[in-house]
């Protein structure tokens, strides 16, 4: 299940995906987001989300996801669990 209401739209994000076409289960994915740039369109909510109550961006300014597994959902669709 995904929840994106309101969508968090960071202005800075970087990442890569490495997949072997012959062995798609051998995958590496990495994504990094600048948490200080979280933007929901409501300045008061943005400030609260960046505070220590939620993301504590003063101490955790970036979020990084690293994955090494992939799940084939259909013939051309994959998920990173």
PDB file of N, CA and C in Angstrom:
ATOM      1  N   UNK A   1       0.837  -1.171   0.000  1.00  0.00           N
ATOM      2  CA  UNK A   1       0.000   0.000   0.000  1.00  0.00           C
ATOM      3  C   UNK A   1       0.885   1.238   0.000  1.00  0.00           C
ATOM      4  N   UNK A   2       0.539   2.199  -0.792  1.00  0.00           N
ATOM      5  CA  UNK A   2       1.284   3.460  -0.852  1.00  0.00           C
ATOM      6  C   UNK A   2       0.385   4.581  -0.369  1.00  0.00           C
ATOM      7  N   UNK A   3       0.982   5.526   0.305  1.00  0.00           N
ATOM      8  CA  UNK A   3       0.243   6.684   0.788  1.00  0.00           C
ATOM      9  C   UNK A   3       0.953   7.924   0.299  1.00  0.00           C
ATOM     10  N   UNK A   4       0.274   8.727  -0.477  1.00  0.00           N
ATOM     11  CA  UNK A   4       0.912   9.944  -0.984  1.00  0.00           C
ATOM     12  C   UNK A   4      -0.036  11.129  -0.986  1.00  0.00           C
ATOM     13  N   UNK A   5      -0.846  11.234   0.042  1.00  0.00           N
ATOM     14  CA  UNK A   5      -1.742  12.372   0.167  1.00  0.00           C
ATOM     15  C   UNK A   5      -1.462  13.068   1.486  1.00  0.00           C
ATOM     16  N   UNK A   6      -0.782  14.171   1.519  1.00  0.00           N
ATOM     17  CA  UNK A   6      -0.303  14.917   0.371  1.00  0.00           C
ATOM     18  C   UNK A   6       1.017  14.336  -0.135  1.00  0.00           C
ATOM     19  N   UNK A   7       1.282  14.495  -1.419  1.00  0.00           N
ATOM     20  CA  UNK A   7       2.561  13.988  -1.923  1.00  0.00           C
ATOM     21  C   UNK A   7       3.728  14.794  -1.360  1.00  0.00           C
ATOM     22  N   UNK A   8       4.761  14.110  -0.959  1.00  0.00           N
ATOM     23  CA  UNK A   8       5.995  14.779  -0.541  1.00  0.00           C
ATOM     24  C   UNK A   8       6.854  14.892  -1.784  1.00  0.00           C
ATOM     25  N   UNK A   9       7.170  16.092  -2.170  1.00  0.00           N
ATOM     26  CA  UNK A   9       7.880  16.319  -3.422  1.00  0.00           C
ATOM     27  C   UNK A   9       9.237  16.945  -3.155  1.00  0.00           C
ATOM     28  N   UNK A  10      10.247  16.146  -2.827  1.00  0.00           N
ATOM     29  CA  UNK A  10      11.579  16.707  -2.604  1.00  0.00           C
ATOM     30  C   UNK A  10      12.149  17.247  -3.911  1.00  0.00           C
ATOM     31  N   UNK A  11      12.796  18.381  -3.836  1.00  0.00           N
ATOM     32  CA  UNK A  11      13.364  18.972  -5.048  1.00  0.00           C
ATOM     33  C   UNK A  11      14.710  18.350  -5.399  1.00  0.00           C
ATOM     34  N   UNK A  12      15.345  17.693  -4.452  1.00  0.00           N
ATOM     35  CA  UNK A  12      16.637  17.075  -4.708  1.00  0.00           C
ATOM     36  C   UNK A  12      16.546  15.581  -4.467  1.00  0.00           C
ATOM     37  N   UNK A  13      16.795  14.804  -5.492  1.00  0.00           N
ATOM     38  CA  UNK A  13      16.811  13.346  -5.352  1.00  0.00           C
ATOM     39  C   UNK A  13      17.782  12.774  -6.376  1.00  0.00           C
ATOM     40  N   UNK A  14      18.444  11.712  -5.977  1.00  0.00           N
ATOM     41  CA  UNK A  14      19.434  11.071  -6.833  1.00  0.00           C
ATOM     42  C   UNK A  14      19.308   9.572  -6.651  1.00  0.00           C
ATOM     43  N   UNK A  15      19.657   8.832  -7.672  1.00  0.00           N
ATOM     44  CA  UNK A  15      19.598   7.391  -7.520  1.00  0.00           C
ATOM     45  C   UNK A  15      20.091   6.671  -8.748  1.00  0.00           C
ATOM     46  N   UNK A  16      20.172   5.358  -8.609  1.00  0.00           N
ATOM     47  CA  UNK A  16      20.553   4.534  -9.742  1.00  0.00           C
ATOM     48  C   UNK A  16      19.967   3.147  -9.576  1.00  0.00           C
ATOM     49  N   UNK A  17      19.907   2.426 -10.671  1.00  0.00           N
ATOM     50  CA  UNK A  17      19.419   1.062 -10.704  1.00  0.00           C
ATOM     51  C   UNK A  17      20.350   0.268 -11.594  1.00  0.00           C
ATOM     52  N   UNK A  18      20.899  -0.807 -11.077  1.00  0.00           N
ATOM     53  CA  UNK A  18      21.766  -1.693 -11.861  1.00  0.00           C
ATOM     54  C   UNK A  18      21.085  -3.052 -11.955  1.00  0.00           C
ATOM     55  N   UNK A  19      20.839  -3.502 -13.170  1.00  0.00           N
ATOM     56  CA  UNK A  19      20.169  -4.775 -13.395  1.00  0.00           C
ATOM     57  C   UNK A  19      20.901  -5.536 -14.483  1.00  0.00           C
ATOM     58  N   UNK A  20      21.093  -6.827 -14.264  1.00  0.00           N
ATOM     59  CA  UNK A  20      21.640  -7.719 -15.277  1.00  0.00           C
ATOM     60  C   UNK A  20      20.451  -8.267 -16.060  1.00  0.00           C
ATOM     61  N   UNK A  21      20.345  -7.947 -17.341  1.00  0.00           N
ATOM     62  CA  UNK A  21      19.194  -8.367 -18.144  1.00  0.00           C
ATOM     63  C   UNK A  21      19.030  -9.879 -18.182  1.00  0.00           C
ATOM     64  N   UNK A  22      20.139 -10.608 -18.093  1.00  0.00           N
ATOM     65  CA  UNK A  22      20.069 -12.066 -18.108  1.00  0.00           C
ATOM     66  C   UNK A  22      19.690 -12.642 -16.750  1.00  0.00           C
ATOM     67  N   UNK A  23      19.979 -11.902 -15.690  1.00  0.00           N
ATOM     68  CA  UNK A  23      19.668 -12.334 -14.329  1.00  0.00           C
ATOM     69  C   UNK A  23      19.079 -11.148 -13.553  1.00  0.00           C
ATOM     70  N   UNK A  24      17.796 -10.813 -13.828  1.00  0.00           N
ATOM     71  CA  UNK A  24      17.213  -9.620 -13.217  1.00  0.00           C
ATOM     72  C   UNK A  24      17.124  -9.686 -11.687  1.00  0.00           C
ATOM     73  N   UNK A  25      17.242 -10.892 -11.127  1.00  0.00           N
ATOM     74  CA  UNK A  25      17.224 -10.987  -9.665  1.00  0.00           C
ATOM     75  C   UNK A  25      18.505 -10.425  -9.054  1.00  0.00           C
ATOM     76  N   UNK A  26      19.533 -10.246  -9.866  1.00  0.00           N
ATOM     77  CA  UNK A  26      20.770  -9.602  -9.415  1.00  0.00           C
ATOM     78  C   UNK A  26      20.620  -8.115  -9.676  1.00  0.00           C
ATOM     79  N   UNK A  27      20.203  -7.410  -8.679  1.00  0.00           N
ATOM     80  CA  UNK A  27      19.889  -5.996  -8.846  1.00  0.00           C
ATOM     81  C   UNK A  27      20.495  -5.199  -7.702  1.00  0.00           C
ATOM     82  N   UNK A  28      20.770  -3.946  -7.977  1.00  0.00           N
ATOM     83  CA  UNK A  28      21.181  -3.010  -6.931  1.00  0.00           C
ATOM     84  C   UNK A  28      20.481  -1.699  -7.239  1.00  0.00           C
ATOM     85  N   UNK A  29      19.803  -1.188  -6.251  1.00  0.00           N
ATOM     86  CA  UNK A  29      19.109   0.087  -6.405  1.00  0.00           C
ATOM     87  C   UNK A  29      19.466   0.960  -5.214  1.00  0.00           C
ATOM     88  N   UNK A  30      19.686   2.212  -5.491  1.00  0.00           N
ATOM     89  CA  UNK A  30      19.972   3.163  -4.424  1.00  0.00           C
ATOM     90  C   UNK A  30      19.302   4.485  -4.766  1.00  0.00           C
ATOM     91  N   UNK A  31      18.641   5.066  -3.780  1.00  0.00           N
ATOM     92  CA  UNK A  31      17.987   6.359  -3.960  1.00  0.00           C
ATOM     93  C   UNK A  31      18.267   7.219  -2.737  1.00  0.00           C
ATOM     94  N   UNK A  32      18.637   8.470  -2.965  1.00  0.00           N
ATOM     95  CA  UNK A  32      18.898   9.413  -1.886  1.00  0.00           C
ATOM     96  C   UNK A  32      18.045  10.656  -2.117  1.00  0.00           C
ATOM     97  N   UNK A  33      17.432  11.135  -1.043  1.00  0.00           N
ATOM     98  CA  UNK A  33      16.548  12.296  -1.101  1.00  0.00           C
ATOM     99  C   UNK A  33      17.034  13.330  -0.097  1.00  0.00           C
ATOM    100  N   UNK A  34      17.014  14.583  -0.497  1.00  0.00           N
ATOM    101  CA  UNK A  34      17.339  15.688   0.398  1.00  0.00           C
ATOM    102  C   UNK A  34      16.100  15.986   1.235  1.00  0.00           C
ATOM    103  N   UNK A  35      16.072  15.482   2.456  1.00  0.00           N
ATOM    104  CA  UNK A  35      14.901  15.626   3.328  1.00  0.00           C
ATOM    105  C   UNK A  35      14.633  17.072   3.717  1.00  0.00           C
ATOM    106  N   UNK A  36      15.643  17.928   3.641  1.00  0.00           N
ATOM    107  CA  UNK A  36      15.443  19.337   4.007  1.00  0.00           C
ATOM    108  C   UNK A  36      14.569  20.058   2.990  1.00  0.00           C
ATOM    109  N   UNK A  37      14.359  19.445   1.836  1.00  0.00           N
ATOM    110  CA  UNK A  37      13.577  20.068   0.768  1.00  0.00           C
ATOM    111  C   UNK A  37      12.177  19.486   0.632  1.00  0.00           C
ATOM    112  N   UNK A  38      11.708  18.728   1.623  1.00  0.00           N
ATOM    113  CA  UNK A  38      10.354  18.180   1.565  1.00  0.00           C
ATOM    114  C   UNK A  38       9.372  19.326   1.374  1.00  0.00           C
ATOM    115  N   UNK A  39       8.497  19.180   0.389  1.00  0.00           N
ATOM    116  CA  UNK A  39       7.556  20.234   0.048  1.00  0.00           C
ATOM    117  C   UNK A  39       6.180  19.631  -0.183  1.00  0.00           C
ATOM    118  N   UNK A  40       5.192  20.063   0.580  1.00  0.00           N
ATOM    119  CA  UNK A  40       3.824  19.576   0.422  1.00  0.00           C
ATOM    120  C   UNK A  40       2.892  20.653  -0.090  1.00  0.00           C
ATOM    121  N   UNK A  41       3.399  21.882  -0.204  1.00  0.00           N
ATOM    122  CA  UNK A  41       2.567  22.985  -0.651  1.00  0.00           C
ATOM    123  C   UNK A  41       1.954  23.782   0.492  1.00  0.00           C
ATOM    124  N   UNK A  42       2.182  23.338   1.727  1.00  0.00           N
ATOM    125  CA  UNK A  42       1.680  24.051   2.892  1.00  0.00           C
ATOM    126  C   UNK A  42       2.859  24.318   3.828  1.00  0.00           C
ATOM    127  N   UNK A  43       3.361  25.554   3.855  1.00  0.00           N
ATOM    128  CA  UNK A  43       4.571  25.887   4.614  1.00  0.00           C
ATOM    129  C   UNK A  43       4.539  25.471   6.082  1.00  0.00           C
ATOM    130  N   UNK A  44       3.402  25.624   6.740  1.00  0.00           N
ATOM    131  CA  UNK A  44       3.318  25.260   8.160  1.00  0.00           C
ATOM    132  C   UNK A  44       3.486  23.745   8.338  1.00  0.00           C
ATOM    133  N   UNK A  45       2.839  22.974   7.472  1.00  0.00           N
ATOM    134  CA  UNK A  45       2.973  21.518   7.528  1.00  0.00           C
ATOM    135  C   UNK A  45       4.409  21.111   7.181  1.00  0.00           C
ATOM    136  N   UNK A  46       4.995  21.752   6.170  1.00  0.00           N
ATOM    137  CA  UNK A  46       6.374  21.434   5.783  1.00  0.00           C
ATOM    138  C   UNK A  46       7.320  21.626   6.956  1.00  0.00           C
ATOM    139  N   UNK A  47       7.179  22.743   7.661  1.00  0.00           N
ATOM    140  CA  UNK A  47       8.043  23.017   8.813  1.00  0.00           C
ATOM    141  C   UNK A  47       7.850  21.958   9.894  1.00  0.00           C
ATOM    142  N   UNK A  48       6.615  21.545  10.122  1.00  0.00           N
ATOM    143  CA  UNK A  48       6.348  20.525  11.140  1.00  0.00           C
ATOM    144  C   UNK A  48       6.935  19.179  10.727  1.00  0.00           C
ATOM    145  N   UNK A  49       6.797  18.823   9.456  1.00  0.00           N
ATOM    146  CA  UNK A  49       7.373  17.560   8.978  1.00  0.00           C
ATOM    147  C   UNK A  49       8.891  17.556   9.101  1.00  0.00           C
ATOM    148  N   UNK A  50       9.525  18.695   8.877  1.00  0.00           N
ATOM    149  CA  UNK A  50      10.990  18.775   8.972  1.00  0.00           C
ATOM    150  C   UNK A  50      11.480  18.798  10.417  1.00  0.00           C
ATOM    151  N   UNK A  51      10.588  19.073  11.357  1.00  0.00           N
ATOM    152  CA  UNK A  51      10.968  19.199  12.773  1.00  0.00           C
ATOM    153  C   UNK A  51      11.316  17.844  13.394  1.00  0.00           C
ATOM    154  N   UNK A  52      11.804  17.909  14.629  1.00  0.00           N
ATOM    155  CA  UNK A  52      12.149  16.692  15.375  1.00  0.00           C
ATOM    156  C   UNK A  52      10.917  15.832  15.661  1.00  0.00           C
ATOM    157  N   UNK A  53       9.721  16.391  15.556  1.00  0.00           N
ATOM    158  CA  UNK A  53       8.496  15.609  15.741  1.00  0.00           C
ATOM    159  C   UNK A  53       8.355  14.514  14.680  1.00  0.00           C
ATOM    160  N   UNK A  54       8.899  14.764  13.483  1.00  0.00           N
ATOM    161  CA  UNK A  54       8.762  13.814  12.381  1.00  0.00           C
ATOM    162  C   UNK A  54      10.130  13.394  11.845  1.00  0.00           C
ATOM    163  N   UNK A  55      10.634  14.133  10.869  1.00  0.00           N
ATOM    164  CA  UNK A  55      11.836  13.707  10.149  1.00  0.00           C
ATOM    165  C   UNK A  55      13.146  14.178  10.769  1.00  0.00           C
ATOM    166  N   UNK A  56      13.101  15.165  11.618  1.00  0.00           N
ATOM    167  CA  UNK A  56      14.296  15.687  12.297  1.00  0.00           C
ATOM    168  C   UNK A  56      15.428  15.939  11.301  1.00  0.00           C
ATOM    169  N   UNK A  57      15.146  16.757  10.303  1.00  0.00           N
ATOM    170  CA  UNK A  57      16.104  16.984   9.226  1.00  0.00           C
ATOM    171  C   UNK A  57      17.377  17.680   9.686  1.00  0.00           C
ATOM    172  N   UNK A  58      17.339  18.317  10.840  1.00  0.00           N
ATOM    173  CA  UNK A  58      18.565  18.918  11.369  1.00  0.00           C
ATOM    174  C   UNK A  58      19.614  17.830  11.631  1.00  0.00           C
ATOM    175  N   UNK A  59      19.170  16.677  12.086  1.00  0.00           N
ATOM    176  CA  UNK A  59      20.079  15.568  12.382  1.00  0.00           C
ATOM    177  C   UNK A  59      20.096  14.493  11.295  1.00  0.00           C
ATOM    178  N   UNK A  60      19.080  14.483  10.426  1.00  0.00           N
ATOM    179  CA  UNK A  60      18.968  13.484   9.355  1.00  0.00           C
ATOM    180  C   UNK A  60      18.587  14.192   8.056  1.00  0.00           C
ATOM    181  N   UNK A  61      19.525  14.937   7.457  1.00  0.00           N
ATOM    182  CA  UNK A  61      19.188  15.765   6.297  1.00  0.00           C
ATOM    183  C   UNK A  61      18.949  14.994   4.999  1.00  0.00           C
ATOM    184  N   UNK A  62      19.356  13.743   4.943  1.00  0.00           N
ATOM    185  CA  UNK A  62      19.095  12.946   3.741  1.00  0.00           C
ATOM    186  C   UNK A  62      18.500  11.603   4.126  1.00  0.00           C
ATOM    187  N   UNK A  63      17.736  11.056   3.199  1.00  0.00           N
ATOM    188  CA  UNK A  63      17.203   9.705   3.338  1.00  0.00           C
ATOM    189  C   UNK A  63      17.839   8.884   2.232  1.00  0.00           C
ATOM    190  N   UNK A  64      18.302   7.685   2.568  1.00  0.00           N
ATOM    191  CA  UNK A  64      18.890   6.810   1.558  1.00  0.00           C
ATOM    192  C   UNK A  64      18.244   5.441   1.644  1.00  0.00           C
ATOM    193  N   UNK A  65      17.818   4.943   0.503  1.00  0.00           N
ATOM    194  CA  UNK A  65      17.274   3.595   0.388  1.00  0.00           C
ATOM    195  C   UNK A  65      18.240   2.797  -0.463  1.00  0.00           C
ATOM    196  N   UNK A  66      18.618   1.604   0.003  1.00  0.00           N
ATOM    197  CA  UNK A  66      19.469   0.701  -0.760  1.00  0.00           C
ATOM    198  C   UNK A  66      18.747  -0.635  -0.827  1.00  0.00           C
ATOM    199  N   UNK A  67      18.583  -1.159  -2.021  1.00  0.00           N
ATOM    200  CA  UNK A  67      17.922  -2.445  -2.206  1.00  0.00           C
ATOM    201  C   UNK A  67      18.785  -3.398  -3.009  1.00  0.00           C
ATOM    202  N   UNK A  68      18.634  -4.663  -2.726  1.00  0.00           N
ATOM    203  CA  UNK A  68      19.410  -5.674  -3.465  1.00  0.00           C
ATOM    204  C   UNK A  68      18.528  -6.847  -3.878  1.00  0.00           C
ATOM    205  N   UNK A  69      17.218  -6.660  -3.788  1.00  0.00           N
ATOM    206  CA  UNK A  69      16.291  -7.697  -4.229  1.00  0.00           C
ATOM    207  C   UNK A  69      15.248  -7.084  -5.142  1.00  0.00           C
ATOM    208  N   UNK A  70      14.711  -7.915  -5.993  1.00  0.00           N
ATOM    209  CA  UNK A  70      13.675  -7.466  -6.904  1.00  0.00           C
ATOM    210  C   UNK A  70      12.653  -8.594  -7.026  1.00  0.00           C
ATOM    211  N   UNK A  71      11.398  -8.228  -7.194  1.00  0.00           N
ATOM    212  CA  UNK A  71      10.322  -9.205  -7.320  1.00  0.00           C
ATOM    213  C   UNK A  71       9.599  -8.939  -8.631  1.00  0.00           C
ATOM    214  N   UNK A  72       9.501  -9.958  -9.479  1.00  0.00           N
ATOM    215  CA  UNK A  72       8.813  -9.791 -10.757  1.00  0.00           C
ATOM    216  C   UNK A  72       7.305  -9.934 -10.544  1.00  0.00           C
ATOM    217  N   UNK A  73       6.581  -8.867 -10.863  1.00  0.00           N
ATOM    218  CA  UNK A  73       5.131  -8.830 -10.691  1.00  0.00           C
ATOM    219  C   UNK A  73       4.427  -9.355 -11.925  1.00  0.00           C
ATOM    220  N   UNK A  74       4.967  -9.007 -13.088  1.00  0.00           N
ATOM    221  CA  UNK A  74       4.418  -9.473 -14.371  1.00  0.00           C
ATOM    222  C   UNK A  74       5.573  -9.601 -15.344  1.00  0.00           C
ATOM    223  N   UNK A  75       5.270  -9.828 -16.594  1.00  0.00           N
ATOM    224  CA  UNK A  75       6.313  -9.996 -17.603  1.00  0.00           C
ATOM    225  C   UNK A  75       7.250  -8.820 -17.735  1.00  0.00           C
ATOM    226  N   UNK A  76       6.747  -7.620 -17.488  1.00  0.00           N
ATOM    227  CA  UNK A  76       7.573  -6.415 -17.642  1.00  0.00           C
ATOM    228  C   UNK A  76       7.549  -5.516 -16.417  1.00  0.00           C
ATOM    229  N   UNK A  77       6.936  -5.965 -15.329  1.00  0.00           N
ATOM    230  CA  UNK A  77       6.814  -5.124 -14.133  1.00  0.00           C
ATOM    231  C   UNK A  77       7.513  -5.775 -12.958  1.00  0.00           C
ATOM    232  N   UNK A  78       8.307  -4.949 -12.251  1.00  0.00           N
ATOM    233  CA  UNK A  78       9.073  -5.430 -11.106  1.00  0.00           C
ATOM    234  C   UNK A  78       8.840  -4.511  -9.920  1.00  0.00           C
ATOM    235  N   UNK A  79       9.021  -5.039  -8.708  1.00  0.00           N
ATOM    236  CA  UNK A  79       8.963  -4.267  -7.480  1.00  0.00           C
ATOM    237  C   UNK A  79      10.256  -4.474  -6.716  1.00  0.00           C
ATOM    238  N   UNK A  80      10.682  -3.458  -6.017  1.00  0.00           N
ATOM    239  CA  UNK A  80      11.811  -3.572  -5.104  1.00  0.00           C
ATOM    240  C   UNK A  80      11.192  -3.672  -3.718  1.00  0.00           C
ATOM    241  N   UNK A  81      11.247  -4.870  -3.097  1.00  0.00           N
ATOM    242  CA  UNK A  81      10.610  -5.029  -1.778  1.00  0.00           C
ATOM    243  C   UNK A  81      11.319  -4.277  -0.678  1.00  0.00           C
TER     244      UNK A  81
END
